[in-house]
Protein backbone atom coordinates (compact mmCIF):
# COMPACT_ATOMS: atom_id res chain seq x y z
CA MET A 1 196.44 93.37 165.14
CA ARG A 2 193.09 92.78 166.78
CA LEU A 3 191.72 89.31 167.44
CA ILE A 4 187.92 89.61 167.13
CA PRO A 5 185.38 86.85 167.80
CA ILE A 6 182.90 86.27 165.02
CA VAL A 7 179.53 87.19 166.49
CA SER A 8 177.59 84.17 165.25
CA SER A 9 180.07 81.56 166.58
CA ASP A 10 181.86 80.77 169.80
CA ARG A 11 184.54 78.84 167.87
CA SER A 12 185.69 81.39 165.27
CA TRP A 13 188.13 84.35 165.22
CA THR A 14 189.05 86.98 162.69
CA TRP A 15 191.92 89.40 162.41
CA HIS A 16 193.55 91.80 159.93
CA THR A 17 197.20 92.24 159.10
CA ALA A 18 198.75 95.57 158.11
CA ALA A 19 201.33 93.71 155.98
CA ASP A 20 201.54 90.02 155.30
CA LEU A 21 205.09 89.43 154.24
CA SER A 22 204.81 85.77 153.19
CA GLY A 23 204.84 86.60 149.51
CA GLU A 24 206.99 88.73 147.30
CA ALA A 25 205.16 91.96 148.21
CA ALA A 26 203.66 93.17 151.49
CA VAL A 27 199.84 92.92 151.31
CA ALA A 28 197.11 93.82 153.87
CA LEU A 29 194.98 90.71 154.50
CA HIS A 30 191.96 89.67 156.47
CA PHE A 31 192.10 86.20 158.13
CA ALA A 32 189.52 84.04 159.82
CA ALA A 33 189.85 80.73 161.63
CA ARG A 34 187.05 78.33 162.67
CA PHE A 35 187.71 75.48 165.04
CA LYS A 36 185.90 72.22 165.70
CA ASP A 37 184.88 73.41 169.20
CA SER A 38 185.00 76.39 171.52
CA GLU A 39 187.73 74.74 173.59
CA SER A 40 190.07 74.66 170.59
CA ALA A 41 189.14 78.25 169.71
CA ASN A 42 190.07 79.30 173.26
CA VAL A 43 193.37 77.48 173.03
CA PHE A 44 194.10 79.47 169.80
CA LYS A 45 193.13 82.69 171.52
CA ALA A 46 195.46 82.05 174.43
CA ALA A 47 198.36 81.22 172.01
CA PHE A 48 197.54 84.38 169.91
CA LEU A 49 197.54 86.54 173.08
CA GLU A 50 200.78 85.07 174.30
CA ALA A 51 202.50 85.63 170.92
CA GLN A 52 201.30 89.22 170.81
CA LYS A 53 202.48 89.76 174.37
CA GLN A 54 205.92 88.44 173.50
CA LEU A 55 206.04 90.73 170.41
CA GLY A 56 205.37 93.95 172.19
CA GLY A 57 202.61 93.90 174.79
CA ALA A 58 199.02 93.15 173.96
CA SER A 59 196.07 94.57 175.78
CA ALA A 60 192.60 93.06 175.87
CA HIS A 61 189.75 95.41 174.96
CA SER A 62 186.12 94.29 174.52
CA GLY A 63 187.20 90.75 173.57
CA ALA A 64 189.76 91.95 171.10
CA VAL A 65 193.51 92.14 171.14
CA ASN A 66 195.22 95.41 170.18
CA VAL A 67 198.95 95.47 169.39
CA LYS A 68 200.98 98.47 168.39
CA SER A 69 202.54 98.21 164.97
CA THR A 70 206.26 98.39 164.79
CA THR A 71 206.26 99.54 161.14
């Protein structure tokens, strides 16, 4: 997954999933999150980066997070 800032906002992020498994079938989805302020957006980014790091080693690249798929 790559966490990408939305260009027009300092408080929004977007990312794609290869397979969302929350339903009956795996589906590729595009998510976006907008926060009340940039501080909250940065707290989310830090938590996202930490979760990706724990799941297999994230690397920052041009403001985005890249994680190898395990599937």
